[in-house]
Amino acid sequence: MAIRTSTVLRWGLILVGGLLGVILIVAISVYVIAQNKLKHRYEIADVATPALPRDAASLAHGKHISVIRGCQECHGTDLGGNVMIDDPALGRLLAPNITKGAGGIVQQYTPADWVRTLRHGVSKDGRPLILMPSEEFTELGAHDLTSLIAYLESVPPVNRKLPDTDLGPVGYALVAFNKLPVPAAIIDHKAPIPPDPVTQVSAEFGKYLAISCSGCHKPDFKGGDPTIPGSPQTADLTSTGNLGTWTEAQFIQTLRTGKTPEGRELANEYMPWKMVANYNDDELKSLYLYFRSL
């Protein structure tokens, strides 16, 4: 009996040791894959940088773009930065200070550096950014892009130093398996700046605007699994979802009040309706036409 017990114990220890070895190998592999993605340097030297407009109307338009495209939702209304996620498993993820104050990462930025960050998803030194939806900003027309950059350069400096981004084990796994995207890895860096859209009520204009919704609601706008673990499923925005039964007025009312025609209140931390409420009427009407066409 003692010999049998000893044999079982020995094999049990071998099994546990083998399992721990496999876990260690997987963990190291995940870390190496993620680090290779995050430490890759992108050489984007030939950056098309249109002249920046400095008139009041363009700066006001740039501010509007910064609101509806989520700059202020993530970086704060003063653009001084926020800690977006601070979780032992996921890690600490930031939307950094993008003013020229102390702690700002753009103090030495040129217009070309802004283009690299917005359209190519890389920092001034070529490092890829995470949580920065540059794959959406690549679709900005020249007027929207240059007005946005001109506005960002004009905002008052905010002195706010934030801690560094520090991924946890789950964060590294999400990067390794493309669940926490590194936009620079998927962007076509040779694509030209698109032409300006025709800003009149139409499904085509809605398609241009809807790119900002694709990060959460997927490229087909059918919704599904969230990008960040623990968040709820995202809604189907096409005609096969609830929106297919809503009138234009109900759609606009939902995005302006955060309450659906069915009486459900939208949680702003998951569906940022307070940001979307800043779209003007023509923009919301165009979004409605586009989503209903799908």
Protein backbone atom coordinates (compact mmCIF):
# COMPACT_ATOMS: atom_id res chain seq x y z
CA MET A 1 0.00 0.00 0.00
CA ALA A 2 2.82 2.40 0.89
CA ILE A 3 4.55 1.66 -2.43
CA ARG A 4 1.31 2.29 -4.37
CA THR A 5 0.71 5.57 -2.51
CA SER A 6 4.28 6.66 -3.23
CA THR A 7 3.84 5.87 -6.96
CA VAL A 8 0.58 7.79 -7.18
CA LEU A 9 2.16 10.75 -5.37
CA ARG A 10 5.19 10.69 -7.66
CA TRP A 11 3.07 10.65 -10.81
CA GLY A 12 0.83 13.33 -9.37
CA LEU A 13 3.84 15.58 -8.81
CA ILE A 14 5.10 14.87 -12.33
CA LEU A 15 1.69 15.77 -13.74
CA VAL A 16 1.48 19.00 -11.73
CA GLY A 17 5.05 19.89 -12.63
CA GLY A 18 4.36 19.25 -16.31
CA LEU A 19 1.21 21.34 -16.20
CA LEU A 20 3.05 24.21 -14.51
CA GLY A 21 5.77 23.92 -17.14
CA VAL A 22 3.22 24.20 -19.95
CA ILE A 23 1.59 27.22 -18.26
CA LEU A 24 5.00 28.87 -17.90
CA ILE A 25 5.86 28.25 -21.56
CA VAL A 26 2.49 29.65 -22.68
CA ALA A 27 2.88 32.69 -20.42
CA ILE A 28 6.38 33.41 -21.73
CA SER A 29 5.21 32.98 -25.33
CA VAL A 30 2.29 35.36 -24.80
CA TYR A 31 4.59 37.94 -23.21
CA VAL A 32 7.14 37.69 -26.05
CA ILE A 33 4.47 37.98 -28.77
CA ALA A 34 2.91 41.01 -27.08
CA GLN A 35 6.26 42.69 -26.47
CA ASN A 36 7.27 42.19 -30.10
CA LYS A 37 4.10 44.00 -31.16
CA LEU A 38 4.46 46.80 -28.63
CA LYS A 39 8.20 47.41 -29.16
CA HIS A 40 8.09 47.38 -32.94
CA ARG A 41 9.15 50.72 -34.42
CA TYR A 42 7.24 52.02 -37.42
CA GLU A 43 9.23 54.19 -39.81
CA ILE A 44 6.67 56.56 -41.31
CA ALA A 45 8.83 59.27 -42.78
CA ASP A 46 6.84 60.44 -45.79
CA VAL A 47 3.81 61.93 -44.05
CA ALA A 48 1.38 64.05 -46.05
CA THR A 49 0.75 67.12 -43.92
CA PRO A 50 -1.74 69.60 -45.40
CA ALA A 51 -1.55 73.21 -44.24
CA LEU A 52 -3.43 73.80 -41.00
CA PRO A 53 -6.28 76.33 -40.97
CA ARG A 54 -6.13 78.89 -38.16
CA ASP A 55 -9.40 80.78 -38.66
CA ALA A 56 -12.06 80.75 -35.93
CA ALA A 57 -14.55 78.68 -37.94
CA SER A 58 -12.01 75.92 -38.56
CA LEU A 59 -10.93 75.85 -34.91
CA ALA A 60 -14.59 75.58 -33.86
CA HIS A 61 -15.03 72.74 -36.36
CA GLY A 62 -11.91 71.05 -34.99
CA LYS A 63 -13.33 71.23 -31.49
CA HIS A 64 -16.56 69.64 -32.74
CA ILE A 65 -14.55 66.83 -34.33
CA SER A 66 -12.63 66.32 -31.07
CA VAL A 67 -15.94 65.84 -29.25
CA ILE A 68 -17.80 63.56 -31.68
CA ARG A 69 -14.72 61.49 -32.50
CA GLY A 70 -14.10 60.72 -28.82
CA CYS A 71 -10.96 62.76 -28.08
CA GLN A 72 -12.60 64.46 -25.12
CA GLU A 73 -14.43 61.30 -24.06
CA CYS A 74 -11.09 59.57 -23.47
CA HIS A 75 -8.58 62.36 -22.81
CA GLY A 76 -10.98 64.55 -20.80
CA THR A 77 -12.74 67.77 -21.69
CA ASP A 78 -9.48 69.64 -21.03
CA LEU A 79 -7.52 66.96 -22.95
CA GLY A 80 -5.25 66.63 -19.92
CA GLY A 81 -5.54 62.84 -19.88
CA ASN A 82 -7.18 60.10 -17.85
CA VAL A 83 -6.44 56.67 -16.45
CA MET A 84 -8.95 54.65 -18.49
CA ILE A 85 -8.45 51.24 -16.86
CA ASP A 86 -6.62 50.33 -13.65
CA ASP A 87 -7.07 46.63 -12.99
CA PRO A 88 -4.57 44.12 -11.57
CA ALA A 89 -5.27 41.63 -14.37
CA LEU A 90 -5.73 43.97 -17.34
CA GLY A 91 -3.20 46.52 -16.19
CA ARG A 92 -3.18 50.32 -16.19
CA LEU A 93 -4.18 51.85 -19.53
CA LEU A 94 -4.06 55.58 -20.17
CA ALA A 95 -5.46 58.22 -22.44
CA PRO A 96 -2.46 60.55 -22.01
CA ASN A 97 -2.24 64.29 -21.57
CA ILE A 98 -2.31 65.67 -25.15
CA THR A 99 -1.76 69.31 -24.24
CA LYS A 100 1.57 71.16 -24.08
CA GLY A 101 1.47 71.42 -20.31
CA ALA A 102 3.72 69.55 -17.86
CA GLY A 103 3.14 65.83 -18.35
CA GLY A 104 1.84 66.34 -21.89
CA ILE A 105 3.22 63.97 -24.50
CA VAL A 106 2.84 66.42 -27.40
CA GLN A 107 5.06 69.26 -26.21
CA GLN A 108 7.48 68.74 -29.11
CA TYR A 109 4.88 67.66 -31.67
CA THR A 110 4.93 69.04 -35.18
CA PRO A 111 1.86 68.80 -37.47
CA ALA A 112 3.50 65.73 -39.06
CA ASP A 113 3.73 64.07 -35.62
CA TRP A 114 0.02 64.67 -35.10
CA VAL A 115 -0.68 63.02 -38.45
CA ARG A 116 1.47 60.02 -37.46
CA THR A 117 -0.44 59.63 -34.21
CA LEU A 118 -3.93 60.22 -35.57
CA ARG A 119 -3.70 58.42 -38.92
CA HIS A 120 -0.92 55.89 -38.30
CA GLY A 121 -1.30 55.01 -34.61
CA VAL A 122 2.30 55.70 -33.59
CA SER A 123 4.01 58.08 -31.21
CA LYS A 124 6.66 60.62 -32.19
CA ASP A 125 9.37 57.95 -31.89
CA GLY A 126 7.44 55.36 -33.93
CA ARG A 127 6.15 53.23 -31.05
CA PRO A 128 2.68 51.75 -31.66
CA LEU A 129 -0.17 53.05 -29.53
CA ILE A 130 -2.90 50.99 -27.89
CA LEU A 131 -6.43 52.15 -27.11
CA MET A 132 -5.91 54.88 -29.72
CA PRO A 133 -8.46 54.22 -32.50
CA SER A 134 -6.25 55.44 -35.33
CA GLU A 135 -7.86 52.97 -37.72
CA GLU A 136 -10.92 55.24 -37.46
CA PHE A 137 -8.98 58.49 -37.88
CA THR A 138 -7.43 57.23 -41.11
CA GLU A 139 -10.85 57.84 -42.67
CA LEU A 140 -10.97 61.55 -41.75
CA GLY A 141 -11.15 63.89 -44.73
CA ALA A 142 -8.50 66.59 -45.07
CA HIS A 143 -10.67 69.42 -43.68
CA ASP A 144 -11.71 67.42 -40.62
CA LEU A 145 -8.15 66.21 -40.01
CA THR A 146 -6.43 69.59 -40.33
CA SER A 147 -9.14 71.40 -38.34
CA LEU A 148 -8.78 68.82 -35.57
CA ILE A 149 -4.99 69.17 -35.44
CA ALA A 150 -5.22 72.98 -35.47
CA TYR A 151 -7.67 72.84 -32.57
CA LEU A 152 -5.56 70.37 -30.58
CA GLU A 153 -2.55 72.65 -30.98
CA SER A 154 -4.59 75.60 -29.71
CA VAL A 155 -5.93 74.19 -26.45
CA PRO A 156 -4.58 75.66 -23.20
CA PRO A 157 -1.77 73.65 -21.57
CA VAL A 158 -2.80 71.38 -18.71
CA ASN A 159 -0.18 70.48 -16.10
CA ARG A 160 -1.03 66.88 -15.29
CA LYS A 161 1.48 64.07 -14.99
CA LEU A 162 0.02 60.60 -15.25
CA PRO A 163 1.62 57.23 -14.44
CA ASP A 164 2.90 55.10 -17.28
CA THR A 165 0.81 52.50 -19.05
CA ASP A 166 1.53 49.13 -17.44
CA LEU A 167 -0.10 46.02 -18.87
CA GLY A 168 -1.09 43.14 -16.63
CA PRO A 169 -1.09 39.44 -17.59
CA VAL A 170 -4.56 39.59 -19.17
CA GLY A 171 -3.60 42.79 -20.99
CA TYR A 172 -0.56 41.08 -22.54
CA ALA A 173 -2.72 38.10 -23.55
CA LEU A 174 -5.27 40.42 -25.19
CA VAL A 175 -2.51 42.13 -27.18
CA ALA A 176 -0.94 38.81 -28.18
CA PHE A 177 -4.24 37.41 -29.45
CA ASN A 178 -5.38 40.67 -31.12
CA LYS A 179 -8.23 41.25 -28.69
CA LEU A 180 -6.66 44.53 -27.59
CA PRO A 181 -5.76 45.86 -31.04
CA VAL A 182 -2.54 47.59 -31.96
CA PRO A 183 -3.92 49.83 -34.75
CA ALA A 184 -0.52 50.49 -36.34
CA ALA A 185 -0.30 46.78 -37.19
CA ILE A 186 -3.49 46.82 -39.28
CA ILE A 187 -3.49 50.31 -40.84
CA ASP A 188 -2.55 50.78 -44.47
CA HIS A 189 0.22 53.33 -43.93
CA LYS A 190 0.38 54.13 -47.65
CA ALA A 191 -3.29 55.12 -47.92
CA PRO A 192 -3.78 58.79 -48.89
CA ILE A 193 -5.90 61.21 -46.89
CA PRO A 194 -9.48 60.68 -48.12
CA PRO A 195 -11.43 63.45 -49.86
CA ASP A 196 -13.75 65.57 -47.77
CA PRO A 197 -17.29 64.20 -47.51
CA VAL A 198 -20.33 66.03 -48.82
CA THR A 199 -21.81 67.27 -45.56
CA GLN A 200 -25.48 67.01 -46.36
CA VAL A 201 -28.08 64.61 -44.97
CA SER A 202 -27.46 61.30 -46.70
CA ALA A 203 -26.63 57.67 -46.01
CA GLU A 204 -23.21 58.29 -47.59
CA PHE A 205 -22.40 61.02 -45.08
CA GLY A 206 -23.69 58.71 -42.35
CA LYS A 207 -21.26 56.01 -43.51
CA TYR A 208 -18.40 58.48 -43.16
CA LEU A 209 -19.47 59.36 -39.62
CA ALA A 210 -20.23 55.77 -38.56
CA ILE A 211 -16.60 54.70 -38.64
CA SER A 212 -16.44 56.01 -35.05
CA CYS A 213 -19.04 53.40 -34.07
CA SER A 214 -17.21 50.47 -35.65
CA GLY A 215 -14.70 49.98 -32.85
CA CYS A 216 -17.36 48.73 -30.45
CA HIS A 217 -20.19 47.71 -32.79
CA LYS A 218 -17.87 45.90 -35.26
CA PRO A 219 -17.20 46.82 -38.91
CA ASP A 220 -20.58 45.39 -39.96
CA PHE A 221 -22.34 47.26 -37.10
CA LYS A 222 -24.00 44.03 -35.97
CA GLY A 223 -22.47 44.33 -32.49
CA GLY A 224 -21.46 41.34 -30.42
CA ASP A 225 -18.64 40.58 -28.03
CA PRO A 226 -17.09 43.64 -26.34
CA THR A 227 -13.51 44.74 -26.94
CA ILE A 228 -12.81 45.06 -23.21
CA PRO A 229 -13.59 41.93 -21.12
CA GLY A 230 -16.35 42.47 -18.58
CA SER A 231 -18.23 44.98 -20.72
CA PRO A 232 -21.72 44.05 -21.99
CA GLN A 233 -22.47 42.87 -25.51
CA THR A 234 -22.71 45.71 -27.99
CA ALA A 235 -25.95 46.36 -29.86
CA ASP A 236 -26.86 45.60 -33.45
CA LEU A 237 -27.15 49.04 -35.10
CA THR A 238 -28.51 47.76 -38.41
CA SER A 239 -32.07 47.34 -39.57
CA THR A 240 -32.13 43.85 -38.01
CA GLY A 241 -31.64 45.31 -34.52
CA ASN A 242 -33.94 47.48 -32.42
CA LEU A 243 -33.03 50.47 -34.56
CA GLY A 244 -34.92 48.82 -37.41
CA THR A 245 -38.19 49.61 -35.63
CA TRP A 246 -37.28 53.15 -34.55
CA THR A 247 -38.28 56.32 -36.31
CA GLU A 248 -35.70 58.97 -37.06
CA ALA A 249 -37.08 61.08 -34.21
CA GLN A 250 -36.78 58.15 -31.78
CA PHE A 251 -33.20 57.49 -32.88
CA ILE A 252 -32.21 61.11 -32.29
CA GLN A 253 -34.09 61.24 -29.00
CA THR A 254 -32.26 58.12 -27.81
CA LEU A 255 -28.84 59.57 -28.55
CA ARG A 256 -29.72 62.92 -27.03
CA THR A 257 -31.27 61.57 -23.79
CA GLY A 258 -29.74 58.13 -23.26
CA LYS A 259 -33.17 56.50 -23.09
CA THR A 260 -34.45 54.09 -25.75
CA PRO A 261 -38.05 53.93 -27.03
CA GLU A 262 -38.34 50.66 -25.08
CA GLY A 263 -37.61 52.57 -21.87
CA ARG A 264 -34.09 51.24 -21.32
CA GLU A 265 -31.50 53.70 -20.01
CA LEU A 266 -28.11 53.53 -21.69
CA ALA A 267 -25.08 53.31 -19.41
CA ASN A 268 -22.76 56.07 -20.61
CA GLU A 269 -19.63 54.15 -19.57
CA TYR A 270 -20.48 51.47 -22.15
CA MET A 271 -22.46 53.47 -24.72
CA PRO A 272 -21.14 57.06 -24.62
CA TRP A 273 -24.42 58.74 -25.56
CA LYS A 274 -23.37 61.97 -23.84
CA MET A 275 -20.60 62.24 -26.44
CA VAL A 276 -22.86 61.22 -29.34
CA ALA A 277 -25.44 63.80 -28.22
CA ASN A 278 -23.05 66.44 -29.56
CA TYR A 279 -23.60 65.38 -33.17
CA ASN A 280 -25.71 67.99 -34.93
CA ASP A 281 -29.12 67.14 -36.38
CA ASP A 282 -27.83 66.60 -39.92
CA GLU A 283 -25.15 64.23 -38.66
CA LEU A 284 -27.62 62.18 -36.60
CA LYS A 285 -30.10 62.05 -39.48
CA SER A 286 -27.33 60.80 -41.76
CA LEU A 287 -26.29 58.13 -39.26
CA TYR A 288 -29.91 56.98 -39.05
CA LEU A 289 -30.18 56.70 -42.84
CA TYR A 290 -26.97 54.73 -43.06
CA PHE A 291 -27.76 52.26 -40.27
CA ARG A 292 -31.27 51.70 -41.63
CA SER A 293 -29.75 50.91 -45.04
CA LEU A 294 -27.78 47.98 -43.62
